[in-house]
PDB file of N, CA and C in Angstrom:
ATOM      1  N   MET A   1      96.266  57.307  46.166  1.00  0.00           N
ATOM      2  CA  MET A   1      95.881  56.466  45.002  1.00  0.00           C
ATOM      3  C   MET A   1      96.503  55.222  44.867  1.00  0.00           C
ATOM      4  N   ALA A   2      97.486  54.727  45.194  1.00  0.00           N
ATOM      5  CA  ALA A   2      97.921  53.598  45.023  1.00  0.00           C
ATOM      6  C   ALA A   2      97.061  52.400  45.954  1.00  0.00           C
ATOM      7  N   GLU A   3      96.643  52.813  46.975  1.00  0.00           N
ATOM      8  CA  GLU A   3      95.672  51.941  47.608  1.00  0.00           C
ATOM      9  C   GLU A   3      94.629  51.727  46.954  1.00  0.00           C
ATOM     10  N   ALA A   4      93.932  52.614  46.417  1.00  0.00           N
ATOM     11  CA  ALA A   4      92.600  52.626  45.497  1.00  0.00           C
ATOM     12  C   ALA A   4      92.604  51.528  44.430  1.00  0.00           C
ATOM     13  N   ILE A   5      93.810  51.743  43.875  1.00  0.00           N
ATOM     14  CA  ILE A   5      94.185  50.716  42.465  1.00  0.00           C
ATOM     15  C   ILE A   5      94.324  49.420  43.433  1.00  0.00           C
ATOM     16  N   ASP A   6      94.991  49.190  44.405  1.00  0.00           N
ATOM     17  CA  ASP A   6      95.108  48.248  44.785  1.00  0.00           C
ATOM     18  C   ASP A   6      93.823  47.415  45.176  1.00  0.00           C
ATOM     19  N   ASP A   7      92.890  48.189  45.709  1.00  0.00           N
ATOM     20  CA  ASP A   7      91.621  47.643  46.238  1.00  0.00           C
ATOM     21  C   ASP A   7      90.707  47.234  44.948  1.00  0.00           C
ATOM     22  N   THR A   8      90.730  48.012  43.829  1.00  0.00           N
ATOM     23  CA  THR A   8      90.202  47.741  42.685  1.00  0.00           C
ATOM     24  C   THR A   8      90.588  46.344  41.886  1.00  0.00           C
ATOM     25  N   LEU A   9      92.166  46.395  41.990  1.00  0.00           N
ATOM     26  CA  LEU A   9      92.627  45.122  41.238  1.00  0.00           C
ATOM     27  C   LEU A   9      92.161  44.033  42.150  1.00  0.00           C
ATOM     28  N   SER A  10      92.162  43.968  43.501  1.00  0.00           N
ATOM     29  CA  SER A  10      91.899  42.828  44.045  1.00  0.00           C
ATOM     30  C   SER A  10      90.593  42.521  44.117  1.00  0.00           C
ATOM     31  N   ARG A  11      89.480  43.212  43.946  1.00  0.00           N
ATOM     32  CA  ARG A  11      88.153  43.071  43.680  1.00  0.00           C
ATOM     33  C   ARG A  11      87.929  42.096  42.198  1.00  0.00           C
ATOM     34  N   TYR A  12      88.992  42.450  41.367  1.00  0.00           N
ATOM     35  CA  TYR A  12      88.560  41.717  40.042  1.00  0.00           C
ATOM     36  C   TYR A  12      89.239  40.447  39.843  1.00  0.00           C
ATOM     37  N   MET A  13      90.363  40.104  40.802  1.00  0.00           N
ATOM     38  CA  MET A  13      91.233  38.972  40.584  1.00  0.00           C
ATOM     39  C   MET A  13      91.007  38.018  41.631  1.00  0.00           C
ATOM     40  N   THR A  14      90.621  36.832  41.653  1.00  0.00           N
ATOM     41  CA  THR A  14      90.302  35.901  42.421  1.00  0.00           C
ATOM     42  C   THR A  14      91.567  35.248  42.967  1.00  0.00           C
ATOM     43  N   ASP A  15      92.637  34.826  41.941  1.00  0.00           N
ATOM     44  CA  ASP A  15      93.919  33.975  42.471  1.00  0.00           C
ATOM     45  C   ASP A  15      94.403  34.858  43.089  1.00  0.00           C
ATOM     46  N   GLU A  16      95.068  34.488  44.363  1.00  0.00           N
ATOM     47  CA  GLU A  16      95.786  35.312  45.172  1.00  0.00           C
ATOM     48  C   GLU A  16      97.120  35.328  44.773  1.00  0.00           C
ATOM     49  N   SER A  17      97.953  34.590  43.871  1.00  0.00           N
ATOM     50  CA  SER A  17      99.255  34.804  43.380  1.00  0.00           C
ATOM     51  C   SER A  17      99.242  35.815  42.265  1.00  0.00           C
ATOM     52  N   LYS A  18      98.109  35.665  41.367  1.00  0.00           N
ATOM     53  CA  LYS A  18      98.002  36.799  40.325  1.00  0.00           C
ATOM     54  C   LYS A  18      97.628  37.757  40.908  1.00  0.00           C
ATOM     55  N   ARG A  19      96.782  38.067  41.973  1.00  0.00           N
ATOM     56  CA  ARG A  19      96.530  39.420  42.549  1.00  0.00           C
ATOM     57  C   ARG A  19      97.843  40.058  43.008  1.00  0.00           C
ATOM     58  N   ALA A  20      98.624  39.346  43.819  1.00  0.00           N
ATOM     59  CA  ALA A  20      99.923  39.811  44.208  1.00  0.00           C
ATOM     60  C   ALA A  20     100.828  40.496  43.146  1.00  0.00           C
ATOM     61  N   GLU A  21     100.788  39.430  41.986  1.00  0.00           N
ATOM     62  CA  GLU A  21     101.803  39.732  40.909  1.00  0.00           C
ATOM     63  C   GLU A  21     101.293  40.988  40.352  1.00  0.00           C
ATOM     64  N   MET A  22     100.072  41.103  40.131  1.00  0.00           N
ATOM     65  CA  MET A  22      99.442  42.341  39.491  1.00  0.00           C
ATOM     66  C   MET A  22      99.691  43.758  40.119  1.00  0.00           C
ATOM     67  N   ILE A  23      99.511  43.625  41.343  1.00  0.00           N
ATOM     68  CA  ILE A  23      99.645  44.601  42.430  1.00  0.00           C
ATOM     69  C   ILE A  23     101.142  45.042  42.574  1.00  0.00           C
ATOM     70  N   LEU A  24     101.902  44.224  42.497  1.00  0.00           N
ATOM     71  CA  LEU A  24     103.428  44.619  42.519  1.00  0.00           C
ATOM     72  C   LEU A  24     103.693  45.269  41.272  1.00  0.00           C
ATOM     73  N   ALA A  25     103.437  44.926  40.001  1.00  0.00           N
ATOM     74  CA  ALA A  25     103.433  45.452  38.688  1.00  0.00           C
ATOM     75  C   ALA A  25     103.006  46.333  38.525  1.00  0.00           C
ATOM     76  N   TRP A  26     101.564  46.880  39.124  1.00  0.00           N
ATOM     77  CA  TRP A  26     101.006  48.387  39.185  1.00  0.00           C
ATOM     78  C   TRP A  26     102.022  49.266  40.105  1.00  0.00           C
ATOM     79  N   GLN A  27     102.523  48.759  41.179  1.00  0.00           N
ATOM     80  CA  GLN A  27     103.224  49.481  42.178  1.00  0.00           C
ATOM     81  C   GLN A  27     104.514  49.854  41.288  1.00  0.00           C
ATOM     82  N   ARG A  28     105.113  49.314  40.697  1.00  0.00           N
ATOM     83  CA  ARG A  28     106.479  49.302  40.038  1.00  0.00           C
ATOM     84  C   ARG A  28     106.138  50.479  38.737  1.00  0.00           C
ATOM     85  N   VAL A  29     104.926  50.513  38.306  1.00  0.00           N
ATOM     86  CA  VAL A  29     104.872  51.397  37.443  1.00  0.00           C
ATOM     87  C   VAL A  29     104.456  52.600  37.981  1.00  0.00           C
ATOM     88  N   PHE A  30     103.813  52.611  38.967  1.00  0.00           N
ATOM     89  CA  PHE A  30     103.543  53.858  39.785  1.00  0.00           C
ATOM     90  C   PHE A  30     104.737  54.532  40.018  1.00  0.00           C
ATOM     91  N   ASN A  31     105.576  53.845  40.571  1.00  0.00           N
ATOM     92  CA  ASN A  31     106.740  54.480  41.347  1.00  0.00           C
ATOM     93  C   ASN A  31     107.771  54.954  40.146  1.00  0.00           C
ATOM     94  N   ALA A  32     107.801  54.294  38.997  1.00  0.00           N
ATOM     95  CA  ALA A  32     108.732  54.660  37.949  1.00  0.00           C
ATOM     96  C   ALA A  32     107.867  55.982  37.384  1.00  0.00           C
ATOM     97  N   VAL A  33     106.658  56.279  37.341  1.00  0.00           N
ATOM     98  CA  VAL A  33     105.976  57.485  36.850  1.00  0.00           C
ATOM     99  C   VAL A  33     106.319  58.533  37.613  1.00  0.00           C
ATOM    100  N   VAL A  34     106.117  58.349  39.056  1.00  0.00           N
ATOM    101  CA  VAL A  34     106.598  59.331  40.233  1.00  0.00           C
ATOM    102  C   VAL A  34     107.877  59.702  40.135  1.00  0.00           C
ATOM    103  N   HIS A  35     108.776  58.729  39.985  1.00  0.00           N
ATOM    104  CA  HIS A  35     110.315  59.013  39.747  1.00  0.00           C
ATOM    105  C   HIS A  35     110.446  59.767  38.545  1.00  0.00           C
ATOM    106  N   HIS A  36     110.109  59.556  37.667  1.00  0.00           N
ATOM    107  CA  HIS A  36     110.414  60.186  36.034  1.00  0.00           C
ATOM    108  C   HIS A  36     109.831  61.686  36.469  1.00  0.00           C
ATOM    109  N   MET A  37     108.631  61.743  36.933  1.00  0.00           N
ATOM    110  CA  MET A  37     108.142  63.266  37.174  1.00  0.00           C
ATOM    111  C   MET A  37     109.076  64.184  37.956  1.00  0.00           C
ATOM    112  N   ARG A  38     109.559  63.391  39.247  1.00  0.00           N
ATOM    113  CA  ARG A  38     110.138  64.181  40.115  1.00  0.00           C
ATOM    114  C   ARG A  38     111.748  64.547  39.503  1.00  0.00           C
ATOM    115  N   THR A  39     112.247  63.716  38.740  1.00  0.00           N
ATOM    116  CA  THR A  39     113.395  63.943  38.078  1.00  0.00           C
ATOM    117  C   THR A  39     113.277  64.963  37.117  1.00  0.00           C
ATOM    118  N   GLY A  40     112.090  65.036  36.135  1.00  0.00           N
ATOM    119  CA  GLY A  40     111.920  65.982  35.143  1.00  0.00           C
ATOM    120  C   GLY A  40     111.666  67.384  35.992  1.00  0.00           C
ATOM    121  N   TYR A  41     111.080  67.278  36.914  1.00  0.00           N
ATOM    122  CA  TYR A  41     110.862  68.583  37.618  1.00  0.00           C
ATOM    123  C   TYR A  41     112.148  69.324  38.383  1.00  0.00           C
ATOM    124  N   ASN A  42     112.978  68.500  38.786  1.00  0.00           N
ATOM    125  CA  ASN A  42     114.362  68.953  39.437  1.00  0.00           C
ATOM    126  C   ASN A  42     115.180  69.322  38.364  1.00  0.00           C
ATOM    127  N   GLU A  43     115.491  68.629  37.036  1.00  0.00           N
ATOM    128  CA  GLU A  43     116.096  69.240  36.274  1.00  0.00           C
ATOM    129  C   GLU A  43     115.587  70.532  35.502  1.00  0.00           C
ATOM    130  N   ARG A  44     114.081  70.340  35.473  1.00  0.00           N
ATOM    131  CA  ARG A  44     113.761  72.028  34.681  1.00  0.00           C
ATOM    132  C   ARG A  44     114.212  72.997  36.129  1.00  0.00           C
ATOM    133  N   ARG A  45     113.881  72.572  37.198  1.00  0.00           N
ATOM    134  CA  ARG A  45     114.404  73.605  38.112  1.00  0.00           C
ATOM    135  C   ARG A  45     115.919  74.172  38.089  1.00  0.00           C
ATOM    136  N   LYS A  46     116.657  73.159  38.041  1.00  0.00           N
ATOM    137  CA  LYS A  46     118.095  73.621  37.695  1.00  0.00           C
ATOM    138  C   LYS A  46     118.407  74.352  36.586  1.00  0.00           C
ATOM    139  N   GLU A  47     117.727  74.165  35.282  1.00  0.00           N
ATOM    140  CA  GLU A  47     117.980  74.837  34.256  1.00  0.00           C
ATOM    141  C   GLU A  47     117.509  76.264  34.460  1.00  0.00           C
ATOM    142  N   LYS A  48     116.509  76.372  35.295  1.00  0.00           N
ATOM    143  CA  LYS A  48     115.847  77.713  35.472  1.00  0.00           C
ATOM    144  C   LYS A  48     116.980  78.565  36.359  1.00  0.00           C
ATOM    145  N   LEU A  49     117.688  77.850  37.435  1.00  0.00           N
ATOM    146  CA  LEU A  49     118.634  78.497  38.418  1.00  0.00           C
ATOM    147  C   LEU A  49     119.814  78.913  37.382  1.00  0.00           C
ATOM    148  N   ARG A  50     120.062  77.925  36.680  1.00  0.00           N
ATOM    149  CA  ARG A  50     121.260  78.559  35.919  1.00  0.00           C
ATOM    150  C   ARG A  50     121.240  79.525  34.799  1.00  0.00           C
ATOM    151  N   ALA A  51     119.913  79.424  34.405  1.00  0.00           N
ATOM    152  CA  ALA A  51     119.524  80.707  33.340  1.00  0.00           C
ATOM    153  C   ALA A  51     119.314  81.920  34.234  1.00  0.00           C
ATOM    154  N   SER A  52     119.097  81.995  35.511  1.00  0.00           N
ATOM    155  CA  SER A  52     118.749  83.099  36.066  1.00  0.00           C
ATOM    156  C   SER A  52     120.436  83.558  36.868  1.00  0.00           C
ATOM    157  N   GLY A  53     121.269  82.748  36.783  1.00  0.00           N
ATOM    158  CA  GLY A  53     122.633  82.837  37.476  1.00  0.00           C
ATOM    159  C   GLY A  53     122.918  82.538  38.943  1.00  0.00           C
ATOM    160  N   LYS A  54     121.811  81.850  39.313  1.00  0.00           N
ATOM    161  CA  LYS A  54     121.863  81.339  40.796  1.00  0.00           C
ATOM    162  C   LYS A  54     122.805  79.972  40.647  1.00  0.00           C
ATOM    163  N   THR A  55     123.142  79.533  41.598  1.00  0.00           N
ATOM    164  CA  THR A  55     124.203  78.374  41.675  1.00  0.00           C
ATOM    165  C   THR A  55     123.509  77.349  42.580  1.00  0.00           C
ATOM    166  N   ASP A  56     122.573  77.703  43.802  1.00  0.00           N
ATOM    167  CA  ASP A  56     122.200  77.032  44.958  1.00  0.00           C
ATOM    168  C   ASP A  56     120.571  76.907  44.684  1.00  0.00           C
ATOM    169  N   LEU A  57     119.870  75.617  45.155  1.00  0.00           N
ATOM    170  CA  LEU A  57     118.723  75.448  44.926  1.00  0.00           C
ATOM    171  C   LEU A  57     118.110  75.997  46.427  1.00  0.00           C
ATOM    172  N   GLU A  58     117.290  76.563  46.403  1.00  0.00           N
ATOM    173  CA  GLU A  58     116.560  77.354  47.536  1.00  0.00           C
ATOM    174  C   GLU A  58     115.013  76.724  47.653  1.00  0.00           C
ATOM    175  N   TYR A  59     114.807  75.774  48.620  1.00  0.00           N
ATOM    176  CA  TYR A  59     113.678  75.251  48.812  1.00  0.00           C
ATOM    177  C   TYR A  59     112.690  76.167  49.909  1.00  0.00           C
TER     178      TYR A  59
END
């Protein structure tokens, strides 16, 4: 998905430095969203384990 967005941004921006800056900014946003989603998932999973009385995560 990130590659598709990088390609799309590259088509619209002609200045190489602006393009690189925009791609880096987009990648930071994308990584922040993924990190937030993973953190939320792990926290919800830990809460479910606590509620069920288990102490270890089972993968």
